[in-house]
Amino acid sequence: GIKEYYRGLVPILIRNGPSNVLFFGLRGPIKQCLPEA
Protein backbone atom coordinates (compact mmCIF):
# COMPACT_ATOMS: atom_id res chain seq x y z
CA GLY A 1 0.00 0.00 0.00
CA ILE A 2 0.91 3.66 -0.44
CA LYS A 3 1.54 4.10 3.28
CA GLU A 4 4.57 1.78 3.10
CA TYR A 5 6.30 4.17 0.69
CA TYR A 6 6.13 6.86 3.38
CA ARG A 7 7.49 4.84 6.28
CA GLY A 8 9.91 7.13 8.11
CA LEU A 9 8.10 10.33 7.07
CA VAL A 10 8.00 11.80 10.60
CA PRO A 11 11.80 11.98 11.13
CA ILE A 12 12.15 13.45 7.64
CA LEU A 13 9.68 16.22 8.49
CA ILE A 14 11.41 16.84 11.84
CA ARG A 15 14.74 17.13 10.02
CA ASN A 16 13.85 19.07 6.87
CA GLY A 17 12.11 22.17 8.24
CA PRO A 18 14.58 23.20 10.98
CA SER A 19 17.65 22.28 8.90
CA ASN A 20 16.41 24.46 6.02
CA VAL A 21 15.78 27.39 8.37
CA LEU A 22 19.32 27.16 9.75
CA PHE A 23 20.92 26.62 6.33
CA PHE A 24 19.30 29.57 4.58
CA GLY A 25 19.41 31.76 7.69
CA LEU A 26 23.12 31.28 8.43
CA ARG A 27 24.51 31.00 4.89
CA GLY A 28 24.74 34.77 4.36
CA PRO A 29 26.19 35.70 7.79
CA ILE A 30 28.86 32.97 7.60
CA LYS A 31 29.97 34.11 4.14
CA GLN A 32 30.21 37.70 5.38
CA CYS A 33 32.66 36.56 8.07
CA LEU A 34 35.01 35.11 5.43
CA PRO A 35 37.69 37.19 3.64
CA GLU A 36 36.22 39.30 0.85
CA ALA A 37 36.35 37.51 -2.51
PDB file of all heavy atoms in Angstrom:
ATOM      1  N   GLY A   1       0.807  -1.208   0.000  1.00  0.00           N
ATOM      2  CA  GLY A   1       0.000   0.000   0.000  1.00  0.00           C
ATOM      3  C   GLY A   1       0.843   1.262   0.000  1.00  0.00           C
ATOM      4  O   GLY A   1       2.046   1.236   0.300  1.00  0.00           O
ATOM      5  N   ILE A   2       0.217   2.379  -0.314  1.00  0.00           N
ATOM      6  CA  ILE A   2       0.913   3.663  -0.444  1.00  0.00           C
ATOM      7  C   ILE A   2       1.582   4.094   0.853  1.00  0.00           C
ATOM      8  O   ILE A   2       2.621   4.744   0.853  1.00  0.00           O
ATOM      9  CB  ILE A   2      -0.083   4.765  -0.923  1.00  0.00           C
ATOM     10  CG1 ILE A   2       0.664   6.054  -1.304  1.00  0.00           C
ATOM     11  CG2 ILE A   2      -1.133   5.046   0.144  1.00  0.00           C
ATOM     12  CD1 ILE A   2       1.503   5.932  -2.549  1.00  0.00           C
ATOM     13  N   LYS A   3       0.996   3.704   1.983  1.00  0.00           N
ATOM     14  CA  LYS A   3       1.545   4.098   3.283  1.00  0.00           C
ATOM     15  C   LYS A   3       2.960   3.578   3.490  1.00  0.00           C
ATOM     16  O   LYS A   3       3.797   4.238   4.123  1.00  0.00           O
ATOM     17  CB  LYS A   3       0.623   3.575   4.391  1.00  0.00           C
ATOM     18  CG  LYS A   3       0.920   4.138   5.771  1.00  0.00           C
ATOM     19  CD  LYS A   3      -0.100   3.626   6.784  1.00  0.00           C
ATOM     20  CE  LYS A   3       0.220   4.158   8.179  1.00  0.00           C
ATOM     21  NZ  LYS A   3      -0.742   3.643   9.192  1.00  0.00           N
ATOM     22  N   GLU A   4       3.244   2.394   2.924  1.00  0.00           N
ATOM     23  CA  GLU A   4       4.565   1.780   3.097  1.00  0.00           C
ATOM     24  C   GLU A   4       5.666   2.610   2.436  1.00  0.00           C
ATOM     25  O   GLU A   4       6.809   2.618   2.889  1.00  0.00           O
ATOM     26  CB  GLU A   4       4.558   0.363   2.520  1.00  0.00           C
ATOM     27  CG  GLU A   4       5.786  -0.459   2.869  1.00  0.00           C
ATOM     28  CD  GLU A   4       5.871  -0.816   4.344  1.00  0.00           C
ATOM     29  OE1 GLU A   4       4.802  -0.999   4.980  1.00  0.00           O
ATOM     30  OE2 GLU A   4       6.990  -0.899   4.860  1.00  0.00           O
ATOM     31  N   TYR A   5       5.321   3.311   1.361  1.00  0.00           N
ATOM     32  CA  TYR A   5       6.303   4.172   0.693  1.00  0.00           C
ATOM     33  C   TYR A   5       6.742   5.319   1.602  1.00  0.00           C
ATOM     34  O   TYR A   5       7.836   5.856   1.448  1.00  0.00           O
ATOM     35  CB  TYR A   5       5.719   4.767  -0.594  1.00  0.00           C
ATOM     36  CG  TYR A   5       5.562   3.795  -1.733  1.00  0.00           C
ATOM     37  CD1 TYR A   5       4.301   3.410  -2.180  1.00  0.00           C
ATOM     38  CD2 TYR A   5       6.677   3.269  -2.386  1.00  0.00           C
ATOM     39  CE1 TYR A   5       4.147   2.522  -3.236  1.00  0.00           C
ATOM     40  CE2 TYR A   5       6.544   2.384  -3.437  1.00  0.00           C
ATOM     41  CZ  TYR A   5       5.276   2.013  -3.862  1.00  0.00           C
ATOM     42  OH  TYR A   5       5.139   1.131  -4.912  1.00  0.00           O
ATOM     43  N   TYR A   6       5.857   5.697   2.523  1.00  0.00           N
ATOM     44  CA  TYR A   6       6.130   6.861   3.381  1.00  0.00           C
ATOM     45  C   TYR A   6       6.507   6.473   4.802  1.00  0.00           C
ATOM     46  O   TYR A   6       6.419   7.281   5.715  1.00  0.00           O
ATOM     47  CB  TYR A   6       4.916   7.805   3.369  1.00  0.00           C
ATOM     48  CG  TYR A   6       4.843   8.603   2.091  1.00  0.00           C
ATOM     49  CD1 TYR A   6       4.162   8.099   0.981  1.00  0.00           C
ATOM     50  CD2 TYR A   6       5.496   9.820   1.968  1.00  0.00           C
ATOM     51  CE1 TYR A   6       4.116   8.813  -0.208  1.00  0.00           C
ATOM     52  CE2 TYR A   6       5.462  10.539   0.782  1.00  0.00           C
ATOM     53  CZ  TYR A   6       4.764  10.030  -0.294  1.00  0.00           C
ATOM     54  OH  TYR A   6       4.739  10.733  -1.488  1.00  0.00           O
ATOM     55  N   ARG A   7       6.965   5.236   4.974  1.00  0.00           N
ATOM     56  CA  ARG A   7       7.488   4.835   6.284  1.00  0.00           C
ATOM     57  C   ARG A   7       8.732   5.685   6.580  1.00  0.00           C
ATOM     58  O   ARG A   7       9.620   5.819   5.735  1.00  0.00           O
ATOM     59  CB  ARG A   7       7.858   3.352   6.274  1.00  0.00           C
ATOM     60  CG  ARG A   7       8.189   2.804   7.652  1.00  0.00           C
ATOM     61  CD  ARG A   7       8.628   1.362   7.561  1.00  0.00           C
ATOM     62  NE  ARG A   7       7.533   0.430   7.296  1.00  0.00           N
ATOM     63  CZ  ARG A   7       6.808  -0.163   8.227  1.00  0.00           C
ATOM     64  NH1 ARG A   7       7.036   0.097   9.502  1.00  0.00           N
ATOM     65  NH2 ARG A   7       5.846  -1.008   7.890  1.00  0.00           N
ATOM     66  N   GLY A   8       8.790   6.256   7.762  1.00  0.00           N
ATOM     67  CA  GLY A   8       9.911   7.133   8.105  1.00  0.00           C
ATOM     68  C   GLY A   8       9.660   8.593   7.760  1.00  0.00           C
ATOM     69  O   GLY A   8      10.580   9.410   7.811  1.00  0.00           O
ATOM     70  N   LEU A   9       8.418   8.947   7.442  1.00  0.00           N
ATOM     71  CA  LEU A   9       8.098  10.331   7.068  1.00  0.00           C
ATOM     72  C   LEU A   9       8.295  11.302   8.226  1.00  0.00           C
ATOM     73  O   LEU A   9       8.786  12.420   8.022  1.00  0.00           O
ATOM     74  CB  LEU A   9       6.647  10.406   6.575  1.00  0.00           C
ATOM     75  CG  LEU A   9       6.107  11.810   6.222  1.00  0.00           C
ATOM     76  CD1 LEU A   9       6.884  12.406   5.066  1.00  0.00           C
ATOM     77  CD2 LEU A   9       4.611  11.746   5.896  1.00  0.00           C
ATOM     78  N   VAL A  10       7.934  10.895   9.440  1.00  0.00           N
ATOM     79  CA  VAL A  10       8.003  11.800  10.599  1.00  0.00           C
ATOM     80  C   VAL A  10       9.420  12.315  10.850  1.00  0.00           C
ATOM     81  O   VAL A  10       9.627  13.533  10.963  1.00  0.00           O
ATOM     82  CB  VAL A  10       7.419  11.125  11.865  1.00  0.00           C
ATOM     83  CG1 VAL A  10       7.685  11.981  13.109  1.00  0.00           C
ATOM     84  CG2 VAL A  10       5.914  10.922  11.699  1.00  0.00           C
ATOM     85  N   PRO A  11      10.445  11.439  10.938  1.00  0.00           N
ATOM     86  CA  PRO A  11      11.797  11.979  11.135  1.00  0.00           C
ATOM     87  C   PRO A  11      12.256  12.870   9.975  1.00  0.00           C
ATOM     88  O   PRO A  11      13.030  13.813  10.193  1.00  0.00           O
ATOM     89  CB  PRO A  11      12.684  10.731  11.255  1.00  0.00           C
ATOM     90  CG  PRO A  11      11.854   9.591  10.766  1.00  0.00           C
ATOM     91  CD  PRO A  11      10.437   9.966  11.007  1.00  0.00           C
ATOM     92  N   ILE A  12      11.788  12.598   8.775  1.00  0.00           N
ATOM     93  CA  ILE A  12      12.152  13.446   7.636  1.00  0.00           C
ATOM     94  C   ILE A  12      11.566  14.842   7.795  1.00  0.00           C
ATOM     95  O   ILE A  12      12.240  15.853   7.548  1.00  0.00           O
ATOM     96  CB  ILE A  12      11.689  12.801   6.314  1.00  0.00           C
ATOM     97  CG1 ILE A  12      12.551  11.573   6.009  1.00  0.00           C
ATOM     98  CG2 ILE A  12      11.772  13.790   5.148  1.00  0.00           C
ATOM     99  CD1 ILE A  12      12.089  10.749   4.823  1.00  0.00           C
ATOM    100  N   LEU A  13      10.312  14.924   8.251  1.00  0.00           N
ATOM    101  CA  LEU A  13       9.679  16.223   8.489  1.00  0.00           C
ATOM    102  C   LEU A  13      10.363  16.965   9.639  1.00  0.00           C
ATOM    103  O   LEU A  13      10.566  18.183   9.569  1.00  0.00           O
ATOM    104  CB  LEU A  13       8.187  16.037   8.804  1.00  0.00           C
ATOM    105  CG  LEU A  13       7.292  15.633   7.629  1.00  0.00           C
ATOM    106  CD1 LEU A  13       5.896  15.274   8.132  1.00  0.00           C
ATOM    107  CD2 LEU A  13       7.226  16.747   6.590  1.00  0.00           C
ATOM    108  N   ILE A  14      10.714  16.234  10.699  1.00  0.00           N
ATOM    109  CA  ILE A  14      11.407  16.842  11.840  1.00  0.00           C
ATOM    110  C   ILE A  14      12.755  17.410  11.409  1.00  0.00           C
ATOM    111  O   ILE A  14      13.187  18.467  11.870  1.00  0.00           O
ATOM    112  CB  ILE A  14      11.610  15.810  12.975  1.00  0.00           C
ATOM    113  CG1 ILE A  14      10.257  15.387  13.549  1.00  0.00           C
ATOM    114  CG2 ILE A  14      12.501  16.365  14.073  1.00  0.00           C
ATOM    115  CD1 ILE A  14      10.341  14.228  14.527  1.00  0.00           C
ATOM    116  N   ARG A  15      13.410  16.725  10.495  1.00  0.00           N
ATOM    117  CA  ARG A  15      14.738  17.131  10.025  1.00  0.00           C
ATOM    118  C   ARG A  15      14.691  18.280   9.016  1.00  0.00           C
ATOM    119  O   ARG A  15      15.446  19.246   9.130  1.00  0.00           O
ATOM    120  CB  ARG A  15      15.424  15.917   9.391  1.00  0.00           C
ATOM    121  CG  ARG A  15      16.779  16.172   8.781  1.00  0.00           C
ATOM    122  CD  ARG A  15      17.161  15.013   7.855  1.00  0.00           C
ATOM    123  NE  ARG A  15      16.316  14.965   6.668  1.00  0.00           N
ATOM    124  CZ  ARG A  15      16.277  13.930   5.828  1.00  0.00           C
ATOM    125  NH1 ARG A  15      17.005  12.861   6.072  1.00  0.00           N
ATOM    126  NH2 ARG A  15      15.509  13.971   4.757  1.00  0.00           N
ATOM    127  N   ASN A  16      13.810  18.158   8.013  1.00  0.00           N
ATOM    128  CA  ASN A  16      13.853  19.068   6.868  1.00  0.00           C
ATOM    129  C   ASN A  16      13.580  20.533   7.203  1.00  0.00           C
ATOM    130  O   ASN A  16      14.317  21.416   6.768  1.00  0.00           O
ATOM    131  CB  ASN A  16      12.861  18.602   5.797  1.00  0.00           C
ATOM    132  CG  ASN A  16      13.378  17.434   4.987  1.00  0.00           C
ATOM    133  OD1 ASN A  16      14.402  16.852   5.311  1.00  0.00           O
ATOM    134  ND2 ASN A  16      12.660  17.071   3.953  1.00  0.00           N
ATOM    135  N   GLY A  17      12.492  20.787   7.944  1.00  0.00           N
ATOM    136  CA  GLY A  17      12.112  22.169   8.236  1.00  0.00           C
ATOM    137  C   GLY A  17      13.188  22.946   8.986  1.00  0.00           C
ATOM    138  O   GLY A  17      13.705  23.964   8.492  1.00  0.00           O
ATOM    139  N   PRO A  18      13.571  22.484  10.200  1.00  0.00           N
ATOM    140  CA  PRO A  18      14.583  23.204  10.976  1.00  0.00           C
ATOM    141  C   PRO A  18      15.940  23.304  10.275  1.00  0.00           C
ATOM    142  O   PRO A  18      16.612  24.330  10.363  1.00  0.00           O
ATOM    143  CB  PRO A  18      14.696  22.359  12.258  1.00  0.00           C
ATOM    144  CG  PRO A  18      13.393  21.662  12.368  1.00  0.00           C
ATOM    145  CD  PRO A  18      12.967  21.373  10.965  1.00  0.00           C
ATOM    146  N   SER A  19      16.345  22.237   9.574  1.00  0.00           N
ATOM    147  CA  SER A  19      17.648  22.283   8.900  1.00  0.00           C
ATOM    148  C   SER A  19      17.649  23.322   7.770  1.00  0.00           C
ATOM    149  O   SER A  19      18.644  24.016   7.553  1.00  0.00           O
ATOM    150  CB  SER A  19      18.044  20.907   8.366  1.00  0.00           C
ATOM    151  OG  SER A  19      17.145  20.470   7.370  1.00  0.00           O
ATOM    152  N   ASN A  20      16.519  23.440   7.065  1.00  0.00           N
ATOM    153  CA  ASN A  20      16.412  24.460   6.017  1.00  0.00           C
ATOM    154  C   ASN A  20      16.466  25.869   6.598  1.00  0.00           C
ATOM    155  O   ASN A  20      17.102  26.764   6.038  1.00  0.00           O
ATOM    156  CB  ASN A  20      15.106  24.287   5.234  1.00  0.00           C
ATOM    157  CG  ASN A  20      15.239  23.314   4.087  1.00  0.00           C
ATOM    158  OD1 ASN A  20      16.231  22.601   3.977  1.00  0.00           O
ATOM    159  ND2 ASN A  20      14.237  23.251   3.233  1.00  0.00           N
ATOM    160  N   VAL A  21      15.782  26.068   7.714  1.00  0.00           N
ATOM    161  CA  VAL A  21      15.781  27.386   8.369  1.00  0.00           C
ATOM    162  C   VAL A  21      17.205  27.789   8.737  1.00  0.00           C
ATOM    163  O   VAL A  21      17.639  28.931   8.481  1.00  0.00           O
ATOM    164  CB  VAL A  21      14.893  27.372   9.633  1.00  0.00           C
ATOM    165  CG1 VAL A  21      15.062  28.667  10.427  1.00  0.00           C
ATOM    166  CG2 VAL A  21      13.429  27.191   9.253  1.00  0.00           C
ATOM    167  N   LEU A  22      17.951  26.864   9.337  1.00  0.00           N
ATOM    168  CA  LEU A  22      19.325  27.160   9.748  1.00  0.00           C
ATOM    169  C   LEU A  22      20.237  27.353   8.546  1.00  0.00           C
ATOM    170  O   LEU A  22      21.096  28.242   8.543  1.00  0.00           O
ATOM    171  CB  LEU A  22      19.848  26.030  10.644  1.00  0.00           C
ATOM    172  CG  LEU A  22      19.183  25.912  12.018  1.00  0.00           C
ATOM    173  CD1 LEU A  22      19.618  24.632  12.731  1.00  0.00           C
ATOM    174  CD2 LEU A  22      19.505  27.128  12.872  1.00  0.00           C
ATOM    175  N   PHE A  23      20.055  26.522   7.509  1.00  0.00           N
ATOM    176  CA  PHE A  23      20.918  26.617   6.327  1.00  0.00           C
ATOM    177  C   PHE A  23      20.762  27.966   5.631  1.00  0.00           C
ATOM    178  O   PHE A  23      21.739  28.681   5.398  1.00  0.00           O
ATOM    179  CB  PHE A  23      20.614  25.483   5.351  1.00  0.00           C
ATOM    180  CG  PHE A  23      21.448  25.521   4.100  1.00  0.00           C
ATOM    181  CD1 PHE A  23      22.751  25.039   4.105  1.00  0.00           C
ATOM    182  CD2 PHE A  23      20.948  26.050   2.916  1.00  0.00           C
ATOM    183  CE1 PHE A  23      23.538  25.074   2.958  1.00  0.00           C
ATOM    184  CE2 PHE A  23      21.713  26.088   1.766  1.00  0.00           C
ATOM    185  CZ  PHE A  23      23.016  25.601   1.792  1.00  0.00           C
ATOM    186  N   PHE A  24      19.522  28.325   5.299  1.00  0.00           N
ATOM    187  CA  PHE A  24      19.296  29.575   4.580  1.00  0.00           C
ATOM    188  C   PHE A  24      19.496  30.796   5.472  1.00  0.00           C
ATOM    189  O   PHE A  24      19.894  31.855   4.994  1.00  0.00           O
ATOM    190  CB  PHE A  24      17.887  29.591   3.984  1.00  0.00           C
ATOM    191  CG  PHE A  24      17.723  28.676   2.805  1.00  0.00           C
ATOM    192  CD1 PHE A  24      16.896  27.558   2.880  1.00  0.00           C
ATOM    193  CD2 PHE A  24      18.397  28.914   1.616  1.00  0.00           C
ATOM    194  CE1 PHE A  24      16.748  26.704   1.795  1.00  0.00           C
ATOM    195  CE2 PHE A  24      18.260  28.059   0.522  1.00  0.00           C
ATOM    196  CZ  PHE A  24      17.430  26.954   0.619  1.00  0.00           C
ATOM    197  N   GLY A  25      19.243  30.637   6.775  1.00  0.00           N
ATOM    198  CA  GLY A  25      19.411  31.763   7.688  1.00  0.00           C
ATOM    199  C   GLY A  25      20.855  32.092   7.996  1.00  0.00           C
ATOM    200  O   GLY A  25      21.201  33.257   8.203  1.00  0.00           O
ATOM    201  N   LEU A  26      21.713  31.071   8.036  1.00  0.00           N
ATOM    202  CA  LEU A  26      23.117  31.283   8.430  1.00  0.00           C
ATOM    203  C   LEU A  26      24.080  31.387   7.253  1.00  0.00           C
ATOM    204  O   LEU A  26      25.230  31.784   7.421  1.00  0.00           O
ATOM    205  CB  LEU A  26      23.567  30.146   9.347  1.00  0.00           C
ATOM    206  CG  LEU A  26      22.843  30.043  10.698  1.00  0.00           C
ATOM    207  CD1 LEU A  26      23.316  28.811  11.462  1.00  0.00           C
ATOM    208  CD2 LEU A  26      23.078  31.296  11.528  1.00  0.00           C
ATOM    209  N   ARG A  27      23.616  31.021   6.052  1.00  0.00           N
ATOM    210  CA  ARG A  27      24.509  31.001   4.889  1.00  0.00           C
ATOM    211  C   ARG A  27      25.103  32.376   4.611  1.00  0.00           C
ATOM    212  O   ARG A  27      26.317  32.515   4.402  1.00  0.00           O
ATOM    213  CB  ARG A  27      23.737  30.492   3.674  1.00  0.00           C
ATOM    214  CG  ARG A  27      24.625  30.098   2.505  1.00  0.00           C
ATOM    215  CD  ARG A  27      23.847  29.352   1.458  1.00  0.00           C
ATOM    216  NE  ARG A  27      22.644  30.061   1.035  1.00  0.00           N
ATOM    217  CZ  ARG A  27      22.175  30.030  -0.217  1.00  0.00           C
ATOM    218  NH1 ARG A  27      22.793  29.325  -1.122  1.00  0.00           N
ATOM    219  NH2 ARG A  27      21.076  30.671  -0.536  1.00  0.00           N
ATOM    220  N   GLY A  28      24.271  33.401   4.622  1.00  0.00           N
ATOM    221  CA  GLY A  28      24.742  34.770   4.365  1.00  0.00           C
ATOM    222  C   GLY A  28      25.701  35.273   5.430  1.00  0.00           C
ATOM    223  O   GLY A  28      26.812  35.740   5.116  1.00  0.00           O
ATOM    224  N   PRO A  29      25.307  35.219   6.725  1.00  0.00           N
ATOM    225  CA  PRO A  29      26.193  35.701   7.791  1.00  0.00           C
ATOM    226  C   PRO A  29      27.555  35.010   7.831  1.00  0.00           C
ATOM    227  O   PRO A  29      28.572  35.658   8.085  1.00  0.00           O
ATOM    228  CB  PRO A  29      25.390  35.386   9.066  1.00  0.00           C
ATOM    229  CG  PRO A  29      23.962  35.445   8.630  1.00  0.00           C
ATOM    230  CD  PRO A  29      23.964  34.892   7.236  1.00  0.00           C
ATOM    231  N   ILE A  30      27.578  33.686   7.588  1.00  0.00           N
ATOM    232  CA  ILE A  30      28.862  32.969   7.600  1.00  0.00           C
ATOM    233  C   ILE A  30      29.752  33.464   6.467  1.00  0.00           C
ATOM    234  O   ILE A  30      30.958  33.699   6.654  1.00  0.00           O
ATOM    235  CB  ILE A  30      28.645  31.442   7.491  1.00  0.00           C
ATOM    236  CG1 ILE A  30      28.054  30.900   8.790  1.00  0.00           C
ATOM    237  CG2 ILE A  30      29.952  30.725   7.170  1.00  0.00           C
ATOM    238  CD1 ILE A  30      27.723  29.424   8.759  1.00  0.00           C
ATOM    239  N   LYS A  31      29.172  33.647   5.280  1.00  0.00           N
ATOM    240  CA  LYS A  31      29.966  34.112   4.140  1.00  0.00           C
ATOM    241  C   LYS A  31      30.523  35.510   4.385  1.00  0.00           C
ATOM    242  O   LYS A  31      31.640  35.828   3.964  1.00  0.00           O
ATOM    243  CB  LYS A  31      29.136  34.083   2.858  1.00  0.00           C
ATOM    244  CG  LYS A  31      29.982  34.302   1.615  1.00  0.00           C
ATOM    245  CD  LYS A  31      29.209  34.080   0.334  1.00  0.00           C
ATOM    246  CE  LYS A  31      30.131  34.302  -0.871  1.00  0.00           C
ATOM    247  NZ  LYS A  31      29.415  34.114  -2.148  1.00  0.00           N
ATOM    248  N   GLN A  32      29.757  36.343   5.083  1.00  0.00           N
ATOM    249  CA  GLN A  32      30.213  37.701   5.375  1.00  0.00           C
ATOM    250  C   GLN A  32      31.409  37.711   6.327  1.00  0.00           C
ATOM    251  O   GLN A  32      32.189  38.666   6.337  1.00  0.00           O
ATOM    252  CB  GLN A  32      29.065  38.517   5.971  1.00  0.00           C
ATOM    253  CG  GLN A  32      27.984  38.894   4.967  1.00  0.00           C
ATOM    254  CD  GLN A  32      26.807  39.592   5.605  1.00  0.00           C
ATOM    255  OE1 GLN A  32      26.778  39.808   6.819  1.00  0.00           O
ATOM    256  NE2 GLN A  32      25.814  39.946   4.800  1.00  0.00           N
ATOM    257  N   CYS A  33      31.529  36.648   7.128  1.00  0.00           N
ATOM    258  CA  CYS A  33      32.660  36.556   8.069  1.00  0.00           C
ATOM    259  C   CYS A  33      33.956  36.112   7.383  1.00  0.00           C
ATOM    260  O   CYS A  33      35.042  36.229   7.964  1.00  0.00           O
ATOM    261  CB  CYS A  33      32.321  35.572   9.192  1.00  0.00           C
ATOM    262  SG  CYS A  33      30.977  36.113  10.256  1.00  0.00           S
ATOM    263  N   LEU A  34      33.839  35.583   6.162  1.00  0.00           N
ATOM    264  CA  LEU A  34      35.014  35.110   5.428  1.00  0.00           C
ATOM    265  C   LEU A  34      35.702  36.273   4.718  1.00  0.00           C
ATOM    266  O   LEU A  34      35.075  37.315   4.486  1.00  0.00           O
ATOM    267  CB  LEU A  34      34.599  34.044   4.402  1.00  0.00           C
ATOM    268  CG  LEU A  34      33.968  32.770   4.985  1.00  0.00           C
ATOM    269  CD1 LEU A  34      33.444  31.875   3.869  1.00  0.00           C
ATOM    270  CD2 LEU A  34      34.984  32.006   5.835  1.00  0.00           C
ATOM    271  N   PRO A  35      36.985  36.122   4.368  1.00  0.00           N
ATOM    272  CA  PRO A  35      37.692  37.195   3.639  1.00  0.00           C
ATOM    273  C   PRO A  35      36.952  37.559   2.357  1.00  0.00           C
ATOM    274  O   PRO A  35      36.387  36.685   1.684  1.00  0.00           O
ATOM    275  CB  PRO A  35      39.058  36.564   3.330  1.00  0.00           C
ATOM    276  CG  PRO A  35      39.237  35.504   4.363  1.00  0.00           C
ATOM    277  CD  PRO A  35      37.858  34.975   4.654  1.00  0.00           C
ATOM    278  N   GLU A  36      36.944  38.838   2.030  1.00  0.00           N
ATOM    279  CA  GLU A  36      36.225  39.304   0.850  1.00  0.00           C
ATOM    280  C   GLU A  36      36.802  38.679  -0.422  1.00  0.00           C
ATOM    281  O   GLU A  36      38.018  38.671  -0.638  1.00  0.00           O
ATOM    282  CB  GLU A  36      36.299  40.832   0.751  1.00  0.00           C
ATOM    283  CG  GLU A  36      35.457  41.395  -0.380  1.00  0.00           C
ATOM    284  CD  GLU A  36      35.507  42.920  -0.425  1.00  0.00           C
ATOM    285  OE1 GLU A  36      36.124  43.521   0.478  1.00  0.00           O
ATOM    286  OE2 GLU A  36      34.926  43.490  -1.367  1.00  0.00           O
ATOM    287  N   ALA A  37      35.924  38.151  -1.261  1.00  0.00           N
ATOM    288  CA  ALA A  37      36.349  37.511  -2.512  1.00  0.00           C
ATOM    289  C   ALA A  37      36.408  38.543  -3.630  1.00  0.00           C
ATOM    290  O   ALA A  37      35.515  39.377  -3.772  1.00  0.00           O
ATOM    291  CB  ALA A  37      35.373  36.398  -2.874  1.00  0.00           C
TER     292      ALA A  37
END
